Amino acid sequence: MRLVDGRPTHRVGAAVGGAAAAACPVQPISSSRRSHHGKAVTTRQLAALSVTVDHVPCPQPEGVWLVNSIVQPGGVGGEWPDRVAAVRRELTKHGPPRSPDGGPDFATVTLPESDCDQVLDLLVEERVGTVVEIGLAYASSALAIGEALLRTGSRNPRHVVIDPFQYTAYDGVGWELLRNARLDDIAELVTEPSQRFLARLADAGFAADAAFVDGSHHFHNVFVDLHFLGEIVRPGGIVLLDDVWWPSVGAAVAYFETNLGWRPLPGALADGTTDPASGRPRTGAYRLPDPRPTPNFKEFRPFC
């Protein structure tokens, strides 16, 4: 799907498996189209995500904007990560290229550079190949994640970014910055609420190595996000969250830590931003159990 002036030129409304799907000749999956942890990206996943395979556009779930494609058969490297780092530095030094009228304050909603650096370092250490991110905003964390994906040396780096407010509240600034860094070659943008899209992503069998969550801060929305990410992120993978110092966010992740065995990684983001009053860290990182647990409702433990 192409963009004109930062916006999609058309919308695919056909349901997956409908007439539009029949017209989409999805190419056979080759060994080069495997995720970092070796699981093949299936034809069903490609159709469900509207990923372009060999430049052949495929349908997407009803009502989802999905932007660009991400097949990198020759791997990545060279000057590309440095280009991303330069865009990150420019954003930190000068702020976004424009501030939408009435849009969210850049300093308030943006993950600070030092926290972004720690996220980058952790993802590189984990050698992630596929990341799902909730919340693009002005792209500070997305740029760090994109740089990490390039520096891990994955043959097929993949970054699925979900932000229903990217064009309504942020005037497309975050996606514009990713394009400036050429990260639209490995990234996809979904402008549907994460609580809806993640369900279909999980149903399609999509697998990721890690996720970064900075979307809605309402408890019920965070809880739903984490529930589906628990199915999407591979066993042993990691989930990172911003603003865990907010009680609503902290309470949601506490359920998964207490009842599903998500293990905090306190040292991973130890030097990040903290609340001046309470000293609580802004960000959190959690290791998912391997194998996935099958909880018994009789063993439920209160979590907050």
Protein backbone atom coordinates (compact mmCIF):
# COMPACT_ATOMS: atom_id res chain seq x y z
CA MET A 1 0.00 0.00 0.00
CA ARG A 2 1.42 3.37 -1.00
CA LEU A 3 1.16 6.64 0.88
CA VAL A 4 0.40 10.03 -0.63
CA ASP A 5 1.18 13.03 1.56
CA GLY A 6 1.64 10.62 4.44
CA ARG A 7 -1.78 8.99 4.09
CA PRO A 8 -2.92 5.71 2.52
CA THR A 9 -4.27 6.13 -0.99
CA HIS A 10 -6.83 3.36 -0.66
CA ARG A 11 -8.40 1.02 1.80
CA VAL A 12 -8.71 -2.72 1.39
CA GLY A 13 -12.15 -3.68 2.64
CA ALA A 14 -12.40 -7.29 1.52
CA ALA A 15 -12.35 -9.87 4.25
CA VAL A 16 -9.43 -12.26 4.37
CA GLY A 17 -10.18 -15.23 2.17
CA GLY A 18 -12.73 -13.29 0.08
CA ALA A 19 -12.60 -12.19 -3.53
CA ALA A 20 -9.62 -9.94 -2.97
CA ALA A 21 -7.71 -12.79 -1.40
CA ALA A 22 -8.31 -14.96 -4.42
CA ALA A 23 -6.77 -12.28 -6.62
CA CYS A 24 -3.61 -12.13 -4.51
CA PRO A 25 -1.00 -14.65 -5.67
CA VAL A 26 0.92 -15.08 -2.43
CA GLN A 27 4.38 -16.38 -3.23
CA PRO A 28 5.66 -19.63 -1.69
CA ILE A 29 7.50 -19.24 1.58
CA SER A 30 11.25 -19.63 1.22
CA SER A 31 13.78 -20.28 3.95
CA SER A 32 14.79 -16.62 3.81
CA ARG A 33 11.36 -15.62 5.08
CA ARG A 34 11.71 -17.09 8.51
CA SER A 35 11.65 -15.20 11.76
CA HIS A 36 14.74 -14.89 13.95
CA HIS A 37 13.74 -17.92 16.00
CA GLY A 38 13.19 -20.13 12.96
CA LYS A 39 9.40 -20.25 12.69
CA ALA A 40 8.22 -19.88 9.10
CA VAL A 41 5.98 -16.93 8.33
CA THR A 42 2.97 -18.72 6.89
CA THR A 43 0.81 -17.78 3.93
CA ARG A 44 -2.08 -17.32 6.33
CA GLN A 45 -0.07 -14.80 8.33
CA LEU A 46 0.87 -12.88 5.23
CA ALA A 47 -2.73 -12.67 4.05
CA ALA A 48 -4.00 -11.68 7.48
CA LEU A 49 -1.43 -8.91 7.81
CA SER A 50 -1.67 -7.56 4.25
CA VAL A 51 2.09 -7.87 3.97
CA THR A 52 3.40 -7.39 0.46
CA VAL A 53 5.33 -10.44 -0.71
CA ASP A 54 7.64 -9.82 -3.63
CA HIS A 55 5.73 -6.57 -4.22
CA VAL A 56 2.36 -8.33 -4.60
CA PRO A 57 -0.21 -6.56 -2.36
CA CYS A 58 -2.40 -8.89 -0.30
CA PRO A 59 -5.65 -8.19 1.57
CA GLN A 60 -5.79 -7.26 5.22
CA PRO A 61 -8.29 -7.74 8.04
CA GLU A 62 -11.37 -5.57 7.65
CA GLY A 63 -10.79 -1.96 8.69
CA VAL A 64 -7.02 -2.16 9.14
CA TRP A 65 -4.55 0.22 7.57
CA LEU A 66 -1.34 -1.69 7.02
CA VAL A 67 1.50 0.21 5.43
CA ASN A 68 4.42 -1.09 3.36
CA SER A 69 6.22 -4.41 3.22
CA ILE A 70 9.26 -5.98 4.74
CA VAL A 71 11.00 -8.68 2.79
CA GLN A 72 14.78 -8.21 3.05
CA PRO A 73 16.30 -11.25 1.30
CA GLY A 74 19.86 -10.00 1.49
CA GLY A 75 19.97 -8.99 5.14
CA VAL A 76 20.75 -5.48 6.37
CA GLY A 77 23.74 -3.56 7.62
CA GLY A 78 26.22 -0.94 6.50
CA GLU A 79 25.30 2.71 6.94
CA TRP A 80 21.59 2.13 7.50
CA PRO A 81 21.73 1.81 11.33
CA ASP A 82 23.87 4.95 11.46
CA ARG A 83 21.24 6.81 9.46
CA VAL A 84 18.61 5.76 12.00
CA ALA A 85 20.87 6.87 14.86
CA ALA A 86 21.27 10.26 13.18
CA VAL A 87 17.49 10.71 12.95
CA ARG A 88 17.22 9.75 16.63
CA ARG A 89 19.80 12.36 17.60
CA GLU A 90 18.05 15.01 15.55
CA LEU A 91 14.72 14.22 17.22
CA THR A 92 16.28 14.43 20.67
CA LYS A 93 18.07 17.70 19.94
CA HIS A 94 15.42 19.60 17.99
CA GLY A 95 12.16 17.78 18.61
CA PRO A 96 9.72 16.67 15.91
CA PRO A 97 9.67 18.42 12.52
CA ARG A 98 6.31 19.95 13.42
CA SER A 99 3.87 20.00 16.30
CA PRO A 100 0.27 19.28 15.32
CA ASP A 101 -2.22 21.89 16.49
CA GLY A 102 -3.63 20.65 19.76
CA GLY A 103 -1.48 17.53 19.56
CA PRO A 104 0.10 15.82 22.59
CA ASP A 105 3.13 17.52 24.09
CA PHE A 106 6.36 16.03 22.74
CA ALA A 107 8.23 16.03 26.05
CA THR A 108 5.30 14.49 27.91
CA VAL A 109 4.60 11.53 25.63
CA THR A 110 8.09 10.80 24.33
CA LEU A 111 10.34 8.14 25.84
CA PRO A 112 13.55 9.95 26.87
CA GLU A 113 16.73 9.27 24.92
CA SER A 114 18.44 7.46 27.80
CA ASP A 115 15.50 5.07 28.13
CA CYS A 116 15.47 4.53 24.36
CA ASP A 117 19.17 3.67 24.49
CA GLN A 118 18.48 1.01 27.11
CA VAL A 119 15.63 -0.44 25.07
CA LEU A 120 17.94 -0.59 22.05
CA ASP A 121 20.72 -2.28 24.01
CA LEU A 122 18.37 -4.88 25.49
CA LEU A 123 16.85 -5.76 22.12
CA VAL A 124 20.29 -6.09 20.54
CA GLU A 125 21.42 -8.29 23.42
CA GLU A 126 18.33 -10.46 22.88
CA ARG A 127 19.07 -10.58 19.13
CA VAL A 128 15.45 -9.95 18.25
CA GLY A 129 14.25 -10.24 14.67
CA THR A 130 10.57 -9.34 15.00
CA VAL A 131 9.05 -6.74 17.33
CA VAL A 132 5.46 -5.60 17.88
CA GLU A 133 5.12 -2.05 19.20
CA ILE A 134 1.98 -0.40 20.56
CA GLY A 135 2.05 3.39 20.37
CA LEU A 136 4.07 5.29 17.76
CA ALA A 137 3.44 8.95 18.69
CA TYR A 138 6.59 10.92 17.74
CA ALA A 139 8.59 7.72 17.10
CA SER A 140 11.32 8.01 19.73
CA SER A 141 10.96 4.39 20.86
CA ALA A 142 10.17 3.17 17.34
CA LEU A 143 13.43 4.63 16.02
CA ALA A 144 15.37 2.89 18.81
CA ILE A 145 13.60 -0.40 18.09
CA GLY A 146 14.25 -0.04 14.37
CA GLU A 147 17.93 0.64 14.97
CA ALA A 148 18.13 -2.41 17.24
CA LEU A 149 16.52 -4.61 14.58
CA LEU A 150 19.13 -3.50 12.06
CA ARG A 151 22.05 -4.01 14.44
CA THR A 152 21.10 -7.59 15.38
CA GLY A 153 21.92 -8.80 11.88
CA SER A 154 18.58 -10.52 11.31
CA ARG A 155 18.01 -11.43 7.66
CA ASN A 156 14.37 -10.34 7.83
CA PRO A 157 13.92 -7.64 10.49
CA ARG A 158 10.27 -6.92 11.10
CA HIS A 159 8.57 -4.16 13.08
CA VAL A 160 4.78 -4.03 13.41
CA VAL A 161 3.71 -0.66 14.86
CA ILE A 162 0.15 -0.10 16.07
CA ASP A 163 -1.16 3.43 16.67
CA PRO A 164 -4.79 4.41 15.96
CA PHE A 165 -3.99 8.06 16.66
CA GLN A 166 -0.98 8.50 14.38
CA TYR A 167 -2.90 10.54 11.79
CA THR A 168 -5.57 12.05 14.04
CA ALA A 169 -3.50 13.29 16.99
CA TYR A 170 0.05 13.28 15.60
CA ASP A 171 -0.53 14.27 11.96
CA GLY A 172 1.61 11.34 10.80
CA VAL A 173 4.80 12.83 12.27
CA GLY A 174 6.02 9.56 13.79
CA TRP A 175 5.61 7.62 10.56
CA GLU A 176 7.28 10.47 8.66
CA LEU A 177 10.32 10.16 10.92
CA LEU A 178 10.49 6.40 10.37
CA ARG A 179 10.38 7.04 6.63
CA ASN A 180 13.17 9.61 6.95
CA ALA A 181 15.24 6.87 8.59
CA ARG A 182 14.21 4.44 5.81
CA LEU A 183 12.64 2.21 8.44
CA ASP A 184 9.48 1.95 6.37
CA ASP A 185 11.43 -0.78 4.54
CA ILE A 186 11.14 -3.03 7.60
CA ALA A 187 8.12 -1.55 9.41
CA GLU A 188 4.35 -1.71 9.05
CA LEU A 189 1.89 0.76 10.52
CA VAL A 190 -1.55 -0.32 11.73
CA THR A 191 -3.98 2.47 12.62
CA GLU A 192 -6.54 0.26 14.34
CA PRO A 193 -6.86 -0.04 18.14
CA SER A 194 -4.39 -2.62 19.40
CA GLN A 195 -7.03 -4.47 21.43
CA ARG A 196 -8.76 -5.42 18.16
CA PHE A 197 -5.79 -5.96 15.88
CA LEU A 198 -3.72 -8.06 18.29
CA ALA A 199 -6.54 -10.58 18.54
CA ARG A 200 -6.40 -11.20 14.80
CA LEU A 201 -2.62 -11.17 14.82
CA ALA A 202 -2.61 -13.91 17.44
CA ASP A 203 -5.28 -15.87 15.58
CA ALA A 204 -3.11 -15.73 12.43
CA GLY A 205 -0.31 -17.43 14.35
CA PHE A 206 2.03 -14.45 14.06
CA ALA A 207 5.13 -14.78 16.25
CA ALA A 208 7.41 -12.06 17.61
CA ASP A 209 10.59 -12.07 19.66
CA ALA A 210 9.65 -9.01 21.71
CA ALA A 211 7.03 -6.32 22.22
CA PHE A 212 7.11 -2.73 23.43
CA VAL A 213 3.90 -1.40 24.98
CA ASP A 214 3.14 2.32 25.27
CA GLY A 215 -0.46 2.59 24.14
CA SER A 216 -3.62 3.15 26.14
CA HIS A 217 -3.00 3.49 29.87
CA HIS A 218 -6.51 2.37 30.87
CA PHE A 219 -6.19 -0.81 32.92
CA HIS A 220 -8.58 -2.86 30.79
CA ASN A 221 -6.84 -1.90 27.55
CA VAL A 222 -3.36 -2.63 28.90
CA PHE A 223 -4.60 -5.96 30.24
CA VAL A 224 -6.03 -6.96 26.85
CA ASP A 225 -2.84 -5.86 25.08
CA LEU A 226 -0.71 -7.99 27.39
CA HIS A 227 -3.05 -10.97 27.12
CA PHE A 228 -2.67 -11.16 23.35
CA LEU A 229 1.02 -10.31 23.42
CA GLY A 230 1.43 -13.30 25.71
CA GLU A 231 0.25 -15.40 22.77
CA ILE A 232 2.19 -13.50 20.10
CA VAL A 233 5.60 -13.14 21.76
CA ARG A 234 7.43 -16.45 21.67
CA PRO A 235 8.04 -18.37 24.91
CA GLY A 236 11.19 -16.97 26.47
CA GLY A 237 10.76 -13.67 24.63
CA ILE A 238 10.44 -10.30 26.32
CA VAL A 239 7.76 -7.65 26.78
CA LEU A 240 8.79 -4.08 27.60
CA LEU A 241 6.41 -1.44 28.93
CA ASP A 242 6.58 2.30 29.31
CA ASP A 243 4.89 4.14 32.19
CA VAL A 244 4.70 1.18 34.56
CA TRP A 245 4.84 3.81 37.28
CA TRP A 246 1.17 4.55 36.51
CA PRO A 247 -0.99 2.39 38.82
CA SER A 248 -3.26 1.29 35.95
CA VAL A 249 -0.32 0.02 33.89
CA GLY A 250 1.52 -1.46 36.86
CA ALA A 251 -1.59 -3.30 38.04
CA ALA A 252 -2.19 -4.84 34.62
CA VAL A 253 1.31 -6.26 34.31
CA ALA A 254 1.19 -7.42 37.95
CA TYR A 255 -1.47 -9.98 36.99
CA PHE A 256 0.82 -11.59 34.42
CA GLU A 257 3.76 -11.53 36.79
CA THR A 258 1.77 -13.05 39.65
CA ASN A 259 -0.38 -15.57 37.81
CA LEU A 260 1.36 -16.38 34.53
CA GLY A 261 5.01 -16.39 35.48
CA TRP A 262 6.21 -13.28 33.66
CA ARG A 263 9.60 -12.64 35.21
CA PRO A 264 10.79 -9.04 35.68
CA LEU A 265 14.25 -8.16 34.43
CA PRO A 266 15.13 -5.40 36.90
CA GLY A 267 18.70 -4.99 35.71
CA ALA A 268 17.80 -4.62 32.03
CA LEU A 269 16.50 -1.04 32.29
CA ALA A 270 18.06 -0.16 35.63
CA ASP A 271 19.49 3.20 34.60
CA GLY A 272 16.26 4.54 33.13
CA THR A 273 14.01 7.38 34.22
CA THR A 274 12.44 7.16 37.66
CA ASP A 275 9.62 9.00 39.39
CA PRO A 276 11.26 11.81 41.42
CA ALA A 277 8.75 11.38 44.23
CA SER A 278 8.55 7.60 44.61
CA GLY A 279 11.69 6.42 42.85
CA ARG A 280 9.63 3.95 40.83
CA PRO A 281 11.08 3.18 37.38
CA ARG A 282 9.32 4.47 34.31
CA THR A 283 9.91 1.37 32.18
CA GLY A 284 9.78 -2.34 32.85
CA ALA A 285 10.98 -5.48 31.07
CA TYR A 286 9.60 -8.99 31.54
CA ARG A 287 10.74 -12.42 30.39
CA LEU A 288 7.91 -14.69 29.30
CA PRO A 289 7.96 -18.26 30.63
CA ASP A 290 9.04 -21.15 28.44
CA PRO A 291 6.93 -23.16 27.91
CA ARG A 292 3.75 -21.11 28.12
CA PRO A 293 1.84 -21.96 31.30
CA THR A 294 -1.70 -23.32 31.39
CA PRO A 295 -3.13 -21.64 34.49
CA ASN A 296 -5.75 -23.27 36.68
CA PHE A 297 -8.49 -20.86 37.71
CA LYS A 298 -8.56 -22.51 41.13
CA GLU A 299 -5.00 -21.31 41.70
CA PHE A 300 -5.69 -17.65 40.95
CA ARG A 301 -3.63 -15.28 43.08
CA PRO A 302 -4.68 -11.68 43.84
CA PHE A 303 -2.27 -9.32 42.11
CA CYS A 304 -2.98 -5.83 43.43
